[in-house]
Amino acid sequence: MTWQIVAMFVVAAVLTLIGAGLLVSLSRPSGPARIYVFRMVGVMALAAGIVLGFSAWSMQQWSVAP
């Protein structure tokens, strides 16, 4: 596994954790602006982390010789 793939996995994990954390923090009462921003940023970060994780996994599979 190359360092580029490891970096992609690390960034994917960070984005996923940040996105999930923002969405979980919505369980506490807060103002409408905060709810809107946390929901939008949380969903986008979560989706970006998942897609980047899939991409890193695919790059790892393609780099392995059969």
N, C-alpha and C. Protein backbone atom coordinates (compact mmCIF):
# COMPACT_ATOMS: atom_id res chain seq x y z
N MET A 1 0.87 -1.17 0.00
CA MET A 1 0.00 0.00 0.00
C MET A 1 0.91 1.23 0.00
N THR A 2 0.70 2.10 -0.96
CA THR A 2 1.53 3.30 -1.07
C THR A 2 1.08 4.37 -0.09
N TRP A 3 1.93 5.37 0.10
CA TRP A 3 1.60 6.43 1.05
C TRP A 3 0.43 7.28 0.55
N GLN A 4 0.23 7.35 -0.78
CA GLN A 4 -0.89 8.11 -1.31
C GLN A 4 -2.22 7.47 -0.92
N ILE A 5 -2.26 6.16 -0.97
CA ILE A 5 -3.50 5.45 -0.60
C ILE A 5 -3.74 5.57 0.90
N VAL A 6 -2.68 5.48 1.68
CA VAL A 6 -2.82 5.64 3.13
C VAL A 6 -3.34 7.05 3.45
N ALA A 7 -2.80 8.04 2.76
CA ALA A 7 -3.26 9.42 2.98
C ALA A 7 -4.73 9.57 2.62
N MET A 8 -5.15 8.91 1.54
CA MET A 8 -6.56 8.98 1.16
C MET A 8 -7.44 8.34 2.23
N PHE A 9 -7.02 7.20 2.77
CA PHE A 9 -7.79 6.56 3.84
C PHE A 9 -7.86 7.43 5.08
N VAL A 10 -6.76 8.09 5.42
CA VAL A 10 -6.74 8.95 6.61
C VAL A 10 -7.68 10.14 6.43
N VAL A 11 -7.61 10.79 5.27
CA VAL A 11 -8.49 11.94 5.00
C VAL A 11 -9.94 11.49 4.97
N ALA A 12 -10.20 10.32 4.39
CA ALA A 12 -11.57 9.80 4.35
C ALA A 12 -12.09 9.55 5.76
N ALA A 13 -11.25 9.00 6.62
CA ALA A 13 -11.67 8.75 8.00
C ALA A 13 -11.95 10.06 8.74
N VAL A 14 -11.08 11.05 8.54
CA VAL A 14 -11.28 12.34 9.21
C VAL A 14 -12.57 13.00 8.75
N LEU A 15 -12.81 13.02 7.43
CA LEU A 15 -14.04 13.63 6.91
C LEU A 15 -15.28 12.90 7.42
N THR A 16 -15.22 11.57 7.45
CA THR A 16 -16.36 10.80 7.92
C THR A 16 -16.64 11.07 9.39
N LEU A 17 -15.59 11.13 10.20
CA LEU A 17 -15.79 11.39 11.63
C LEU A 17 -16.31 12.80 11.88
N ILE A 18 -15.78 13.78 11.15
CA ILE A 18 -16.27 15.16 11.30
C ILE A 18 -17.73 15.25 10.89
N GLY A 19 -18.07 14.67 9.75
CA GLY A 19 -19.46 14.70 9.28
C GLY A 19 -20.41 14.02 10.24
N ALA A 20 -20.01 12.85 10.73
CA ALA A 20 -20.86 12.14 11.69
C ALA A 20 -20.98 12.92 12.99
N GLY A 21 -19.88 13.53 13.42
CA GLY A 21 -19.93 14.32 14.64
C GLY A 21 -20.86 15.52 14.53
N LEU A 22 -20.82 16.18 13.38
CA LEU A 22 -21.73 17.31 13.18
C LEU A 22 -23.19 16.87 13.18
N LEU A 23 -23.46 15.74 12.54
CA LEU A 23 -24.84 15.26 12.50
C LEU A 23 -25.31 14.79 13.87
N VAL A 24 -24.44 14.18 14.65
CA VAL A 24 -24.81 13.74 16.00
C VAL A 24 -25.04 14.95 16.90
N SER A 25 -24.26 16.02 16.67
CA SER A 25 -24.42 17.21 17.52
C SER A 25 -25.77 17.90 17.29
N LEU A 26 -26.47 17.53 16.25
CA LEU A 26 -27.80 18.11 16.01
C LEU A 26 -28.84 17.61 17.00
N SER A 27 -28.50 16.61 17.79
CA SER A 27 -29.46 16.09 18.76
C SER A 27 -29.70 17.08 19.91
N ARG A 28 -28.75 18.01 20.11
CA ARG A 28 -28.94 19.05 21.13
C ARG A 28 -29.72 20.21 20.53
N PRO A 29 -30.56 20.85 21.31
CA PRO A 29 -31.32 21.99 20.78
C PRO A 29 -30.39 23.16 20.43
N SER A 30 -30.65 23.78 19.29
CA SER A 30 -29.87 24.94 18.86
C SER A 30 -30.71 25.76 17.89
N GLY A 31 -30.15 26.86 17.45
CA GLY A 31 -30.87 27.77 16.58
C GLY A 31 -31.02 27.24 15.16
N PRO A 32 -31.93 27.82 14.39
CA PRO A 32 -32.18 27.33 13.04
C PRO A 32 -30.99 27.49 12.10
N ALA A 33 -30.20 28.55 12.25
CA ALA A 33 -29.04 28.73 11.38
C ALA A 33 -27.99 27.65 11.64
N ARG A 34 -27.77 27.36 12.90
CA ARG A 34 -26.80 26.32 13.26
C ARG A 34 -27.26 24.96 12.76
N ILE A 35 -28.54 24.67 12.89
CA ILE A 35 -29.07 23.40 12.41
C ILE A 35 -28.86 23.28 10.91
N TYR A 36 -29.15 24.34 10.17
CA TYR A 36 -29.00 24.32 8.71
C TYR A 36 -27.54 24.08 8.33
N VAL A 37 -26.62 24.84 8.94
CA VAL A 37 -25.20 24.73 8.58
C VAL A 37 -24.65 23.37 8.98
N PHE A 38 -24.95 22.92 10.18
CA PHE A 38 -24.42 21.62 10.62
C PHE A 38 -24.97 20.49 9.76
N ARG A 39 -26.24 20.59 9.37
CA ARG A 39 -26.83 19.55 8.54
C ARG A 39 -26.17 19.52 7.16
N MET A 40 -26.01 20.68 6.54
CA MET A 40 -25.41 20.75 5.21
C MET A 40 -23.95 20.30 5.23
N VAL A 41 -23.17 20.85 6.14
CA VAL A 41 -21.74 20.51 6.20
C VAL A 41 -21.56 19.07 6.65
N GLY A 42 -22.36 18.61 7.58
CA GLY A 42 -22.26 17.24 8.05
C GLY A 42 -22.54 16.22 6.96
N VAL A 43 -23.60 16.44 6.21
CA VAL A 43 -23.94 15.51 5.13
C VAL A 43 -22.87 15.54 4.04
N MET A 44 -22.39 16.73 3.69
CA MET A 44 -21.35 16.81 2.65
C MET A 44 -20.04 16.17 3.09
N ALA A 45 -19.63 16.40 4.33
CA ALA A 45 -18.39 15.79 4.83
C ALA A 45 -18.52 14.28 4.93
N LEU A 46 -19.66 13.80 5.39
CA LEU A 46 -19.89 12.37 5.49
C LEU A 46 -19.86 11.72 4.10
N ALA A 47 -20.53 12.33 3.15
CA ALA A 47 -20.54 11.79 1.79
C ALA A 47 -19.15 11.83 1.16
N ALA A 48 -18.41 12.93 1.38
CA ALA A 48 -17.06 13.03 0.82
C ALA A 48 -16.14 11.97 1.42
N GLY A 49 -16.27 11.73 2.72
CA GLY A 49 -15.45 10.71 3.35
C GLY A 49 -15.75 9.32 2.83
N ILE A 50 -17.01 9.01 2.63
CA ILE A 50 -17.39 7.69 2.12
C ILE A 50 -16.89 7.50 0.69
N VAL A 51 -17.09 8.51 -0.15
CA VAL A 51 -16.66 8.41 -1.55
C VAL A 51 -15.14 8.31 -1.64
N LEU A 52 -14.43 9.10 -0.83
CA LEU A 52 -12.97 9.04 -0.85
C LEU A 52 -12.48 7.69 -0.33
N GLY A 53 -13.16 7.13 0.64
CA GLY A 53 -12.80 5.80 1.11
C GLY A 53 -12.99 4.74 0.04
N PHE A 54 -14.09 4.82 -0.68
CA PHE A 54 -14.31 3.89 -1.80
C PHE A 54 -13.23 4.06 -2.87
N SER A 55 -12.87 5.30 -3.16
CA SER A 55 -11.83 5.56 -4.16
C SER A 55 -10.48 5.01 -3.72
N ALA A 56 -10.14 5.19 -2.46
CA ALA A 56 -8.87 4.67 -1.95
C ALA A 56 -8.86 3.15 -1.99
N TRP A 57 -9.97 2.53 -1.64
CA TRP A 57 -10.04 1.08 -1.69
C TRP A 57 -9.89 0.58 -3.13
N SER A 58 -10.52 1.27 -4.07
CA SER A 58 -10.40 0.89 -5.48
C SER A 58 -8.97 1.05 -5.97
N MET A 59 -8.31 2.14 -5.60
CA MET A 59 -6.91 2.32 -6.00
C MET A 59 -6.03 1.23 -5.42
N GLN A 60 -6.31 0.82 -4.19
CA GLN A 60 -5.52 -0.24 -3.59
C GLN A 60 -5.73 -1.55 -4.33
N GLN A 61 -6.97 -1.84 -4.70
CA GLN A 61 -7.25 -3.08 -5.44
C GLN A 61 -6.61 -3.07 -6.82
N TRP A 62 -6.62 -1.93 -7.49
CA TRP A 62 -6.03 -1.85 -8.82
C TRP A 62 -4.51 -1.92 -8.79
N SER A 63 -3.90 -1.51 -7.69
CA SER A 63 -2.45 -1.50 -7.62
C SER A 63 -1.87 -2.87 -7.25
N VAL A 64 -2.72 -3.79 -6.80
CA VAL A 64 -2.26 -5.13 -6.43
C VAL A 64 -2.18 -5.99 -7.69
N ALA A 65 -1.05 -6.62 -7.88
CA ALA A 65 -0.87 -7.48 -9.06
C ALA A 65 -1.65 -8.77 -8.86
N PRO A 66 -2.35 -9.24 -9.91
CA PRO A 66 -3.13 -10.48 -9.78
C PRO A 66 -2.27 -11.72 -9.65
